């Protein structure tokens, strides 16, 4: 026989158990609403699905069902995305990742995280100001921007023609790169004439292929410099490039190179 005195603790225990998260009675109610929301979503009845999902995404977390809560967040994100409510879509896509990633479901969230990055609404203000004169640190260096050049000799589609290079590559250039071996003169290099004709800068790689010992202050050097000085275009002389590489005949002796 259950007395009034013993009945009260039983009633109190039952009431407390109904209020505790994760109890079977409450969980059954949440799962029933969850199944209802999923059915509405799959039917395309988003208007009715949204308010249920918005409650469930937090109710499922409260009863420890983060995986199910993640599905609710995902469905809400996709609905908001479809409706053009991108700020809310980003919110739910990110919540989905917060719920699923700790469970090891990063592959489930990858697509939606990328989508959130794509549609994340950000406003950036830019003010246009005229460019200043800039600073130059060397002769012929542009005050702003860069000299973009090309090599025209080795591409059979160009065949050494600078104007043809612009047509083939679909852009304009402001310089030509050419190579000349020690012992040869700039006047013997076809690209030098092309640079003069086009009126663009010339970068001339002067290569001491006989080794640094052959480099002397002699008549050849004077004539070489004289020819460069007579050109009507800017010249950037690159002597012995890649001097630190053991594949060049002029490498291996830094002190002699500096001389």
C-alpha atoms as a PDB file:
ATOM      1  CA  UNK A   1       0.000   0.000   0.000  1.00  0.00           C
ATOM      2  CA  UNK A   2       1.399   3.412  -0.995  1.00  0.00           C
ATOM      3  CA  UNK A   3       0.853   6.017   1.696  1.00  0.00           C
ATOM      4  CA  UNK A   4       0.486   9.730   1.129  1.00  0.00           C
ATOM      5  CA  UNK A   5       3.882  10.183   2.724  1.00  0.00           C
ATOM      6  CA  UNK A   6       5.610   7.852   0.252  1.00  0.00           C
ATOM      7  CA  UNK A   7       3.597   9.102  -2.762  1.00  0.00           C
ATOM      8  CA  UNK A   8       4.974  12.659  -2.643  1.00  0.00           C
ATOM      9  CA  UNK A   9       8.642  11.758  -3.391  1.00  0.00           C
ATOM     10  CA  UNK A  10       7.501   9.588  -6.306  1.00  0.00           C
ATOM     11  CA  UNK A  11       5.512  12.446  -7.821  1.00  0.00           C
ATOM     12  CA  UNK A  12       8.423  14.854  -7.265  1.00  0.00           C
ATOM     13  CA  UNK A  13      10.882  12.419  -8.886  1.00  0.00           C
ATOM     14  CA  UNK A  14       8.614  12.004 -11.906  1.00  0.00           C
ATOM     15  CA  UNK A  15       8.233  15.774 -12.302  1.00  0.00           C
ATOM     16  CA  UNK A  16      11.987  16.358 -12.099  1.00  0.00           C
ATOM     17  CA  UNK A  17      12.699  13.573 -14.593  1.00  0.00           C
ATOM     18  CA  UNK A  18      10.359  15.168 -17.123  1.00  0.00           C
ATOM     19  CA  UNK A  19      12.287  18.428 -16.867  1.00  0.00           C
ATOM     20  CA  UNK A  20      15.766  16.914 -17.222  1.00  0.00           C
ATOM     21  CA  UNK A  21      17.324  17.126 -20.711  1.00  0.00           C
ATOM     22  CA  UNK A  22      17.527  13.889 -22.572  1.00  0.00           C
ATOM     23  CA  UNK A  23      14.743  12.097 -20.768  1.00  0.00           C
ATOM     24  CA  UNK A  24      12.923   9.563 -22.967  1.00  0.00           C
ATOM     25  CA  UNK A  25       9.544  11.294 -22.891  1.00  0.00           C
ATOM     26  CA  UNK A  26      10.928  14.689 -23.954  1.00  0.00           C
ATOM     27  CA  UNK A  27      13.316  13.162 -26.505  1.00  0.00           C
ATOM     28  CA  UNK A  28      10.430  11.289 -28.120  1.00  0.00           C
ATOM     29  CA  UNK A  29       8.639  14.604 -28.552  1.00  0.00           C
ATOM     30  CA  UNK A  30      11.653  16.247 -30.142  1.00  0.00           C
ATOM     31  CA  UNK A  31      12.147  13.350 -32.546  1.00  0.00           C
ATOM     32  CA  UNK A  32       8.479  13.500 -33.547  1.00  0.00           C
ATOM     33  CA  UNK A  33       8.850  17.202 -34.377  1.00  0.00           C
ATOM     34  CA  UNK A  34      12.155  16.454 -36.134  1.00  0.00           C
ATOM     35  CA  UNK A  35      10.523  13.846 -38.384  1.00  0.00           C
ATOM     36  CA  UNK A  36       7.691  16.300 -39.098  1.00  0.00           C
ATOM     37  CA  UNK A  37      10.173  19.049 -40.064  1.00  0.00           C
ATOM     38  CA  UNK A  38      12.162  16.723 -42.327  1.00  0.00           C
ATOM     39  CA  UNK A  39       8.982  15.610 -44.079  1.00  0.00           C
ATOM     40  CA  UNK A  40       7.931  19.232 -44.644  1.00  0.00           C
ATOM     41  CA  UNK A  41      11.398  20.070 -45.998  1.00  0.00           C
ATOM     42  CA  UNK A  42      11.412  17.128 -48.375  1.00  0.00           C
ATOM     43  CA  UNK A  43       7.942  18.109 -49.608  1.00  0.00           C
ATOM     44  CA  UNK A  44       9.253  21.604 -50.353  1.00  0.00           C
ATOM     45  CA  UNK A  45       6.926  23.131 -47.766  1.00  0.00           C
ATOM     46  CA  UNK A  46       9.556  25.507 -46.485  1.00  0.00           C
ATOM     47  CA  UNK A  47       7.164  28.023 -44.947  1.00  0.00           C
ATOM     48  CA  UNK A  48       5.951  25.465 -42.417  1.00  0.00           C
ATOM     49  CA  UNK A  49       9.292  23.701 -42.039  1.00  0.00           C
ATOM     50  CA  UNK A  50      11.285  26.811 -41.066  1.00  0.00           C
ATOM     51  CA  UNK A  51       9.672  27.661 -37.703  1.00  0.00           C
ATOM     52  CA  UNK A  52       9.895  24.019 -36.600  1.00  0.00           C
ATOM     53  CA  UNK A  53      13.547  23.747 -37.692  1.00  0.00           C
ATOM     54  CA  UNK A  54      14.420  27.039 -35.993  1.00  0.00           C
ATOM     55  CA  UNK A  55      13.216  25.626 -32.675  1.00  0.00           C
ATOM     56  CA  UNK A  56      14.675  22.176 -33.224  1.00  0.00           C
ATOM     57  CA  UNK A  57      18.172  23.363 -34.095  1.00  0.00           C
ATOM     58  CA  UNK A  58      18.520  24.423 -30.452  1.00  0.00           C
ATOM     59  CA  UNK A  59      16.180  21.862 -28.825  1.00  0.00           C
ATOM     60  CA  UNK A  60      18.170  18.995 -30.329  1.00  0.00           C
ATOM     61  CA  UNK A  61      21.383  20.454 -28.919  1.00  0.00           C
ATOM     62  CA  UNK A  62      19.740  20.690 -25.512  1.00  0.00           C
ATOM     63  CA  UNK A  63      19.037  16.955 -25.459  1.00  0.00           C
ATOM     64  CA  UNK A  64      22.540  16.142 -26.728  1.00  0.00           C
ATOM     65  CA  UNK A  65      21.605  15.336 -30.342  1.00  0.00           C
ATOM     66  CA  UNK A  66      24.119  17.536 -32.151  1.00  0.00           C
ATOM     67  CA  UNK A  67      24.093  15.435 -35.287  1.00  0.00           C
ATOM     68  CA  UNK A  68      20.357  15.966 -35.732  1.00  0.00           C
ATOM     69  CA  UNK A  69      20.786  19.645 -34.811  1.00  0.00           C
ATOM     70  CA  UNK A  70      23.374  19.860 -37.599  1.00  0.00           C
ATOM     71  CA  UNK A  71      20.838  18.592 -40.121  1.00  0.00           C
ATOM     72  CA  UNK A  72      18.375  21.240 -38.923  1.00  0.00           C
ATOM     73  CA  UNK A  73      21.034  23.935 -39.394  1.00  0.00           C
ATOM     74  CA  UNK A  74      21.893  22.595 -42.833  1.00  0.00           C
ATOM     75  CA  UNK A  75      18.268  22.600 -43.987  1.00  0.00           C
ATOM     76  CA  UNK A  76      17.768  26.122 -42.653  1.00  0.00           C
ATOM     77  CA  UNK A  77      20.911  27.278 -44.452  1.00  0.00           C
ATOM     78  CA  UNK A  78      19.753  25.837 -47.753  1.00  0.00           C
ATOM     79  CA  UNK A  79      16.272  27.344 -47.399  1.00  0.00           C
ATOM     80  CA  UNK A  80      17.632  30.801 -46.552  1.00  0.00           C
ATOM     81  CA  UNK A  81      20.092  30.476 -49.433  1.00  0.00           C
ATOM     82  CA  UNK A  82      17.226  29.633 -51.803  1.00  0.00           C
ATOM     83  CA  UNK A  83      15.202  32.582 -50.521  1.00  0.00           C
ATOM     84  CA  UNK A  84      18.105  34.987 -51.005  1.00  0.00           C
ATOM     85  CA  UNK A  85      18.470  35.664 -47.279  1.00  0.00           C
ATOM     86  CA  UNK A  86      22.205  35.181 -47.454  1.00  0.00           C
ATOM     87  CA  UNK A  87      23.196  36.554 -44.073  1.00  0.00           C
ATOM     88  CA  UNK A  88      20.936  34.012 -42.354  1.00  0.00           C
ATOM     89  CA  UNK A  89      22.138  31.280 -44.704  1.00  0.00           C
ATOM     90  CA  UNK A  90      25.754  31.968 -43.704  1.00  0.00           C
ATOM     91  CA  UNK A  91      24.741  31.873 -40.032  1.00  0.00           C
ATOM     92  CA  UNK A  92      23.182  28.424 -40.337  1.00  0.00           C
ATOM     93  CA  UNK A  93      25.920  27.012 -42.583  1.00  0.00           C
ATOM     94  CA  UNK A  94      28.474  28.028 -39.966  1.00  0.00           C
ATOM     95  CA  UNK A  95      26.351  26.595 -37.155  1.00  0.00           C
ATOM     96  CA  UNK A  96      26.167  23.345 -39.109  1.00  0.00           C
ATOM     97  CA  UNK A  97      29.972  23.210 -39.168  1.00  0.00           C
ATOM     98  CA  UNK A  98      30.192  24.020 -35.457  1.00  0.00           C
ATOM     99  CA  UNK A  99      27.905  21.090 -34.698  1.00  0.00           C
ATOM    100  CA  UNK A 100      29.296  18.527 -37.116  1.00  0.00           C
ATOM    101  CA  UNK A 101      33.033  19.200 -37.277  1.00  0.00           C
ATOM    102  CA  UNK A 102      33.648  18.126 -33.627  1.00  0.00           C
ATOM    103  CA  UNK A 103      31.840  14.883 -34.456  1.00  0.00           C
ATOM    104  CA  UNK A 104      34.324  14.141 -37.235  1.00  0.00           C
ATOM    105  CA  UNK A 105      31.919  15.025 -40.051  1.00  0.00           C
ATOM    106  CA  UNK A 106      34.138  17.596 -41.776  1.00  0.00           C
ATOM    107  CA  UNK A 107      33.393  15.978 -45.130  1.00  0.00           C
ATOM    108  CA  UNK A 108      29.683  16.643 -44.552  1.00  0.00           C
ATOM    109  CA  UNK A 109      30.250  20.361 -44.001  1.00  0.00           C
ATOM    110  CA  UNK A 110      32.878  21.072 -46.661  1.00  0.00           C
ATOM    111  CA  UNK A 111      30.489  22.113 -49.441  1.00  0.00           C
ATOM    112  CA  UNK A 112      28.337  24.305 -47.201  1.00  0.00           C
ATOM    113  CA  UNK A 113      31.365  26.019 -45.655  1.00  0.00           C
ATOM    114  CA  UNK A 114      32.593  26.903 -49.129  1.00  0.00           C
ATOM    115  CA  UNK A 115      29.139  28.165 -50.018  1.00  0.00           C
ATOM    116  CA  UNK A 116      29.122  30.337 -46.890  1.00  0.00           C
ATOM    117  CA  UNK A 117      32.442  31.877 -47.914  1.00  0.00           C
ATOM    118  CA  UNK A 118      31.031  32.583 -51.379  1.00  0.00           C
ATOM    119  CA  UNK A 119      27.828  34.327 -50.293  1.00  0.00           C
ATOM    120  CA  UNK A 120      29.086  35.951 -47.121  1.00  0.00           C
ATOM    121  CA  UNK A 121      27.844  39.526 -47.560  1.00  0.00           C
ATOM    122  CA  UNK A 122      30.669  41.991 -46.984  1.00  0.00           C
ATOM    123  CA  UNK A 123      30.754  45.654 -47.893  1.00  0.00           C
ATOM    124  CA  UNK A 124      34.116  47.262 -48.576  1.00  0.00           C
ATOM    125  CA  UNK A 125      34.520  50.916 -49.384  1.00  0.00           C
ATOM    126  CA  UNK A 126      37.310  52.094 -51.635  1.00  0.00           C
ATOM    127  CA  UNK A 127      38.423  55.644 -52.237  1.00  0.00           C
ATOM    128  CA  UNK A 128      40.061  56.471 -55.542  1.00  0.00           C
ATOM    129  CA  UNK A 129      43.043  58.760 -55.273  1.00  0.00           C
ATOM    130  CA  UNK A 130      45.393  59.907 -58.012  1.00  0.00           C
ATOM    131  CA  UNK A 131      48.698  58.055 -57.933  1.00  0.00           C
ATOM    132  CA  UNK A 132      51.630  60.060 -56.712  1.00  0.00           C
ATOM    133  CA  UNK A 133      54.854  60.519 -58.570  1.00  0.00           C
ATOM    134  CA  UNK A 134      56.359  57.549 -56.748  1.00  0.00           C
ATOM    135  CA  UNK A 135      59.992  56.947 -56.009  1.00  0.00           C
ATOM    136  CA  UNK A 136      62.618  55.587 -58.338  1.00  0.00           C
ATOM    137  CA  UNK A 137      65.778  53.886 -57.192  1.00  0.00           C
ATOM    138  CA  UNK A 138      67.535  53.480 -60.505  1.00  0.00           C
ATOM    139  CA  UNK A 139      67.930  54.884 -63.982  1.00  0.00           C
ATOM    140  CA  UNK A 140      64.977  54.145 -66.303  1.00  0.00           C
ATOM    141  CA  UNK A 141      62.988  52.589 -63.447  1.00  0.00           C
ATOM    142  CA  UNK A 142      59.307  53.588 -63.797  1.00  0.00           C
ATOM    143  CA  UNK A 143      57.875  55.774 -61.055  1.00  0.00           C
ATOM    144  CA  UNK A 144      54.838  53.503 -60.829  1.00  0.00           C
ATOM    145  CA  UNK A 145      54.177  49.969 -61.999  1.00  0.00           C
ATOM    146  CA  UNK A 146      56.659  47.711 -63.743  1.00  0.00           C
ATOM    147  CA  UNK A 147      58.180  47.094 -67.144  1.00  0.00           C
ATOM    148  CA  UNK A 148      56.657  43.887 -68.503  1.00  0.00           C
ATOM    149  CA  UNK A 149      58.788  42.371 -71.224  1.00  0.00           C
ATOM    150  CA  UNK A 150      58.976  39.256 -73.376  1.00  0.00           C
ATOM    151  CA  UNK A 151      61.464  37.046 -75.173  1.00  0.00           C
ATOM    152  CA  UNK A 152      60.586  36.920 -78.853  1.00  0.00           C
ATOM    153  CA  UNK A 153      63.254  34.710 -80.390  1.00  0.00           C
ATOM    154  CA  UNK A 154      62.508  31.201 -79.098  1.00  0.00           C
ATOM    155  CA  UNK A 155      58.761  30.971 -79.795  1.00  0.00           C
ATOM    156  CA  UNK A 156      58.125  29.701 -83.358  1.00  0.00           C
ATOM    157  CA  UNK A 157      54.698  31.349 -83.306  1.00  0.00           C
ATOM    158  CA  UNK A 158      56.426  34.726 -82.897  1.00  0.00           C
ATOM    159  CA  UNK A 159      59.609  34.132 -84.898  1.00  0.00           C
ATOM    160  CA  UNK A 160      61.454  37.156 -83.542  1.00  0.00           C
ATOM    161  CA  UNK A 161      58.726  39.690 -84.437  1.00  0.00           C
ATOM    162  CA  UNK A 162      57.819  41.915 -81.473  1.00  0.00           C
ATOM    163  CA  UNK A 163      54.514  43.072 -82.960  1.00  0.00           C
ATOM    164  CA  UNK A 164      53.647  39.458 -83.683  1.00  0.00           C
ATOM    165  CA  UNK A 165      54.315  38.642 -80.003  1.00  0.00           C
ATOM    166  CA  UNK A 166      51.640  41.092 -78.916  1.00  0.00           C
ATOM    167  CA  UNK A 167      49.141  39.491 -81.297  1.00  0.00           C
ATOM    168  CA  UNK A 168      50.005  35.934 -80.213  1.00  0.00           C
ATOM    169  CA  UNK A 169      49.986  36.595 -76.477  1.00  0.00           C
ATOM    170  CA  UNK A 170      47.049  39.008 -76.545  1.00  0.00           C
ATOM    171  CA  UNK A 171      48.694  41.780 -74.565  1.00  0.00           C
ATOM    172  CA  UNK A 172      51.127  44.636 -74.951  1.00  0.00           C
ATOM    173  CA  UNK A 173      54.713  44.610 -73.723  1.00  0.00           C
ATOM    174  CA  UNK A 174      57.073  47.407 -72.789  1.00  0.00           C
ATOM    175  CA  UNK A 175      60.347  45.515 -73.033  1.00  0.00           C
ATOM    176  CA  UNK A 176      62.321  42.791 -74.833  1.00  0.00           C
ATOM    177  CA  UNK A 177      64.779  40.328 -73.305  1.00  0.00           C
ATOM    178  CA  UNK A 178      67.816  39.423 -75.414  1.00  0.00           C
ATOM    179  CA  UNK A 179      71.039  37.469 -74.908  1.00  0.00           C
ATOM    180  CA  UNK A 180      74.514  38.251 -76.196  1.00  0.00           C
ATOM    181  CA  UNK A 181      77.699  36.227 -75.669  1.00  0.00           C
ATOM    182  CA  UNK A 182      81.009  37.746 -74.679  1.00  0.00           C
ATOM    183  CA  UNK A 183      82.806  38.604 -77.898  1.00  0.00           C
ATOM    184  CA  UNK A 184      79.642  39.503 -79.803  1.00  0.00           C
ATOM    185  CA  UNK A 185      78.271  43.015 -80.205  1.00  0.00           C
ATOM    186  CA  UNK A 186      74.723  44.306 -79.602  1.00  0.00           C
ATOM    187  CA  UNK A 187      74.417  45.219 -83.288  1.00  0.00           C
ATOM    188  CA  UNK A 188      74.557  41.500 -84.137  1.00  0.00           C
ATOM    189  CA  UNK A 189      71.549  40.661 -81.917  1.00  0.00           C
ATOM    190  CA  UNK A 190      68.203  40.788 -83.810  1.00  0.00           C
ATOM    191  CA  UNK A 191      66.178  41.646 -80.700  1.00  0.00           C
ATOM    192  CA  UNK A 192      68.153  44.849 -80.233  1.00  0.00           C
ATOM    193  CA  UNK A 193      66.927  46.107 -83.610  1.00  0.00           C
ATOM    194  CA  UNK A 194      63.376  44.992 -82.716  1.00  0.00           C
ATOM    195  CA  UNK A 195      63.496  46.968 -79.472  1.00  0.00           C
ATOM    196  CA  UNK A 196      64.699  50.042 -81.350  1.00  0.00           C
ATOM    197  CA  UNK A 197      61.966  49.667 -83.966  1.00  0.00           C
ATOM    198  CA  UNK A 198      59.225  49.215 -81.359  1.00  0.00           C
ATOM    199  CA  UNK A 199      60.593  51.885 -79.039  1.00  0.00           C
ATOM    200  CA  UNK A 200      60.553  49.620 -75.968  1.00  0.00           C
ATOM    201  CA  UNK A 201      63.093  48.900 -73.248  1.00  0.00           C
ATOM    202  CA  UNK A 202      65.814  46.332 -73.814  1.00  0.00           C
ATOM    203  CA  UNK A 203      67.110  43.954 -71.170  1.00  0.00           C
ATOM    204  CA  UNK A 204      70.363  42.581 -72.494  1.00  0.00           C
ATOM    205  CA  UNK A 205      71.883  39.540 -70.806  1.00  0.00           C
ATOM    206  CA  UNK A 206      75.623  39.723 -71.445  1.00  0.00           C
ATOM    207  CA  UNK A 207      77.051  36.251 -70.880  1.00  0.00           C
ATOM    208  CA  UNK A 208      80.805  35.651 -70.421  1.00  0.00           C
ATOM    209  CA  UNK A 209      80.598  32.084 -71.699  1.00  0.00           C
ATOM    210  CA  UNK A 210      84.390  31.778 -71.928  1.00  0.00           C
ATOM    211  CA  UNK A 211      84.705  32.307 -68.168  1.00  0.00           C
ATOM    212  CA  UNK A 212      85.443  35.384 -66.103  1.00  0.00           C
ATOM    213  CA  UNK A 213      89.154  35.241 -66.965  1.00  0.00           C
ATOM    214  CA  UNK A 214      88.275  36.308 -70.508  1.00  0.00           C
ATOM    215  CA  UNK A 215      86.590  39.497 -69.312  1.00  0.00           C
ATOM    216  CA  UNK A 216      89.021  42.357 -69.906  1.00  0.00           C
ATOM    217  CA  UNK A 217      88.800  46.130 -70.161  1.00  0.00           C
ATOM    218  CA  UNK A 218      89.751  46.178 -73.828  1.00  0.00           C
ATOM    219  CA  UNK A 219      88.704  47.490 -77.222  1.00  0.00           C
ATOM    220  CA  UNK A 220      85.864  44.967 -77.498  1.00  0.00           C
ATOM    221  CA  UNK A 221      84.333  46.117 -74.231  1.00  0.00           C
ATOM    222  CA  UNK A 222      84.598  49.769 -75.236  1.00  0.00           C
ATOM    223  CA  UNK A 223      82.901  49.113 -78.562  1.00  0.00           C
ATOM    224  CA  UNK A 224      80.175  47.103 -76.837  1.00  0.00           C
ATOM    225  CA  UNK A 225      79.415  49.959 -74.430  1.00  0.00           C
ATOM    226  CA  UNK A 226      79.577  52.508 -77.240  1.00  0.00           C
ATOM    227  CA  UNK A 227      76.923  50.652 -79.231  1.00  0.00           C
ATOM    228  CA  UNK A 228      74.626  50.493 -76.201  1.00  0.00           C
ATOM    229  CA  UNK A 229      75.040  54.225 -75.578  1.00  0.00           C
ATOM    230  CA  UNK A 230      73.913  54.963 -79.128  1.00  0.00           C
ATOM    231  CA  UNK A 231      70.601  53.140 -78.728  1.00  0.00           C
ATOM    232  CA  UNK A 232      67.513  55.318 -78.449  1.00  0.00           C
ATOM    233  CA  UNK A 233      65.738  53.012 -75.958  1.00  0.00           C
ATOM    234  CA  UNK A 234      66.379  52.310 -72.254  1.00  0.00           C
ATOM    235  CA  UNK A 235      68.857  49.466 -71.751  1.00  0.00           C
ATOM    236  CA  UNK A 236      69.061  47.272 -68.665  1.00  0.00           C
ATOM    237  CA  UNK A 237      72.349  45.381 -68.835  1.00  0.00           C
ATOM    238  CA  UNK A 238      72.436  42.055 -67.040  1.00  0.00           C
ATOM    239  CA  UNK A 239      76.015  40.881 -66.867  1.00  0.00           C
ATOM    240  CA  UNK A 240      76.679  37.247 -65.977  1.00  0.00           C
ATOM    241  CA  UNK A 241      73.257  36.400 -64.651  1.00  0.00           C
ATOM    242  CA  UNK A 242      72.769  33.340 -62.439  1.00  0.00           C
ATOM    243  CA  UNK A 243      76.349  33.733 -61.243  1.00  0.00           C
ATOM    244  CA  UNK A 244      75.600  31.570 -58.190  1.00  0.00           C
ATOM    245  CA  UNK A 245      74.633  28.539 -60.280  1.00  0.00           C
ATOM    246  CA  UNK A 246      77.236  25.910 -61.028  1.00  0.00           C
ATOM    247  CA  UNK A 247      75.733  25.451 -64.500  1.00  0.00           C
ATOM    248  CA  UNK A 248      77.266  28.710 -65.763  1.00  0.00           C
ATOM    249  CA  UNK A 249      80.914  28.983 -66.914  1.00  0.00           C
ATOM    250  CA  UNK A 250      81.297  32.234 -64.970  1.00  0.00           C
ATOM    251  CA  UNK A 251      80.344  30.860 -61.541  1.00  0.00           C
ATOM    252  CA  UNK A 252      82.497  29.756 -58.629  1.00  0.00           C
ATOM    253  CA  UNK A 253      84.636  32.859 -58.084  1.00  0.00           C
ATOM    254  CA  UNK A 254      82.628  35.656 -56.428  1.00  0.00           C
ATOM    255  CA  UNK A 255      85.608  37.950 -55.911  1.00  0.00           C
ATOM    256  CA  UNK A 256      86.621  37.791 -59.576  1.00  0.00           C
ATOM    257  CA  UNK A 257      82.995  38.365 -60.551  1.00  0.00           C
ATOM    258  CA  UNK A 258      82.900  41.552 -58.460  1.00  0.00           C
ATOM    259  CA  UNK A 259      86.095  42.803 -60.113  1.00  0.00           C
END
